[in-house]
Amino acid sequence: MHFDSEKVLASFLGVDNRAAQWLKEQHTDPSDLGLVCLHQPSVPFVRTFCERMGIQPDAVVPTFHRTGNMGAATLPLQLAHAADQGRYARAHRWSCSAWPAAPAAAGC
């Protein structure tokens, strides 16, 4: 199997800017998100993404450390973990995305 790391890296360039723009269009401040589910290609990616977006790291439901890179398949897993942990609340704003494409869902 051939893995083109340059193309993979290029697909993530500017993802934080696209995500910030989308959240702005939704009138949502990233620091207000109580639950964030996102594609987790690596632990450093998630950490850097949160820092650049202003998302509290504890808002993210971590899965990479247990499952590795599952692509968008990690989203339902993160939602299941969040439910098991009692992290859903009507008052919380949340975001679920398989970036670098586009946010898949957002709710409040």
Protein backbone atom coordinates (compact mmCIF):
# COMPACT_ATOMS: atom_id res chain seq x y z
CA MET A 1 0.00 0.00 0.00
CA HIS A 2 1.31 3.44 -0.94
CA PHE A 3 0.81 6.25 1.56
CA ASP A 4 1.42 9.77 0.28
CA SER A 5 2.14 11.69 3.48
CA GLU A 6 2.52 14.99 1.59
CA LYS A 7 -1.03 14.75 0.26
CA VAL A 8 -2.34 13.81 3.68
CA LEU A 9 -0.57 16.77 5.28
CA ALA A 10 -1.82 19.13 2.55
CA SER A 11 -5.40 18.02 3.20
CA PHE A 12 -5.16 19.38 6.76
CA LEU A 13 -3.56 22.72 5.95
CA GLY A 14 -6.04 25.46 6.80
CA VAL A 15 -8.54 23.07 8.36
CA ASP A 16 -8.60 25.21 11.50
CA ASN A 17 -9.42 28.28 9.41
CA ARG A 18 -12.25 26.48 7.63
CA ALA A 19 -13.60 25.17 10.93
CA ALA A 20 -13.40 28.60 12.56
CA GLN A 21 -15.25 30.14 9.60
CA TRP A 22 -17.98 27.51 9.77
CA LEU A 23 -18.45 27.99 13.51
CA LYS A 24 -18.57 31.76 12.99
CA GLU A 25 -21.32 31.27 10.41
CA GLN A 26 -23.20 29.24 13.04
CA HIS A 27 -22.73 32.10 15.55
CA THR A 28 -20.78 29.73 17.78
CA ASP A 29 -17.68 30.50 19.80
CA PRO A 30 -15.42 27.40 19.87
CA SER A 31 -14.76 27.92 23.58
CA ASP A 32 -18.52 27.53 24.21
CA LEU A 33 -18.58 23.97 22.87
CA GLY A 34 -19.09 21.50 25.69
CA LEU A 35 -18.61 18.44 23.50
CA VAL A 36 -16.46 18.13 20.38
CA CYS A 37 -16.23 15.00 18.24
CA LEU A 38 -13.78 15.16 15.39
CA HIS A 39 -11.60 13.08 13.14
CA GLN A 40 -8.54 12.10 15.18
CA PRO A 41 -5.60 11.17 12.93
CA SER A 42 -3.19 11.56 15.87
CA VAL A 43 -2.98 12.85 19.43
CA PRO A 44 -0.76 15.80 18.39
CA PHE A 45 -3.26 16.75 15.68
CA VAL A 46 -6.11 16.95 18.20
CA ARG A 47 -3.98 18.92 20.66
CA THR A 48 -2.84 21.40 17.99
CA PHE A 49 -6.33 21.71 16.54
CA CYS A 50 -7.80 22.52 19.96
CA GLU A 51 -5.07 25.08 20.68
CA ARG A 52 -5.55 26.83 17.34
CA MET A 53 -9.35 26.79 17.60
CA GLY A 54 -9.60 27.80 21.25
CA ILE A 55 -11.40 24.58 22.15
CA GLN A 56 -10.96 23.25 25.66
CA PRO A 57 -9.14 19.90 25.33
CA ASP A 58 -11.51 18.22 27.78
CA ALA A 59 -14.41 18.99 25.40
CA VAL A 60 -13.00 16.41 22.96
CA VAL A 61 -13.97 12.77 23.36
CA PRO A 62 -10.61 11.00 22.91
CA THR A 63 -10.47 7.78 20.91
CA PHE A 64 -7.12 7.76 19.09
CA HIS A 65 -5.21 6.39 22.07
CA ARG A 66 -7.44 3.28 22.05
CA THR A 67 -8.30 2.77 18.39
CA GLY A 68 -5.78 4.66 16.28
CA ASN A 69 -6.86 6.57 13.19
CA MET A 70 -10.37 5.38 12.30
CA GLY A 71 -11.21 8.29 9.99
CA ALA A 72 -14.81 9.46 10.16
CA ALA A 73 -15.78 6.10 11.73
CA THR A 74 -14.56 7.51 15.03
CA LEU A 75 -17.49 9.96 15.16
CA PRO A 76 -20.21 7.47 16.21
CA LEU A 77 -17.70 5.88 18.60
CA GLN A 78 -17.05 9.25 20.22
CA LEU A 79 -20.79 9.92 20.48
CA ALA A 80 -21.30 6.52 22.12
CA HIS A 81 -18.49 7.20 24.61
CA ALA A 82 -19.96 10.64 25.36
CA ALA A 83 -23.37 9.07 26.01
CA ASP A 84 -21.83 6.40 28.26
CA GLN A 85 -20.05 9.15 30.20
CA GLY A 86 -23.24 11.19 30.58
CA ARG A 87 -21.74 14.07 28.64
CA TYR A 88 -24.86 14.98 26.70
CA ALA A 89 -26.89 17.84 28.06
CA ARG A 90 -29.51 19.98 26.37
CA ALA A 91 -27.72 23.13 27.52
CA HIS A 92 -24.44 22.14 25.87
CA ARG A 93 -23.52 23.18 22.38
CA TRP A 94 -21.71 20.48 20.48
CA SER A 95 -19.99 19.89 17.19
CA CYS A 96 -19.28 16.70 15.29
CA SER A 97 -17.06 16.80 12.24
CA ALA A 98 -14.96 14.73 9.90
CA TRP A 99 -12.72 17.60 8.88
CA PRO A 100 -11.01 18.40 6.54
CA ALA A 101 -14.24 18.04 4.61
CA ALA A 102 -16.88 20.08 6.43
CA PRO A 103 -18.67 19.92 9.76
CA ALA A 104 -21.13 17.06 9.70
CA ALA A 105 -23.52 18.26 12.37
CA ALA A 106 -23.92 20.78 15.10
CA GLY A 107 -26.61 21.09 17.68
CA CYS A 108 -27.54 22.65 20.91
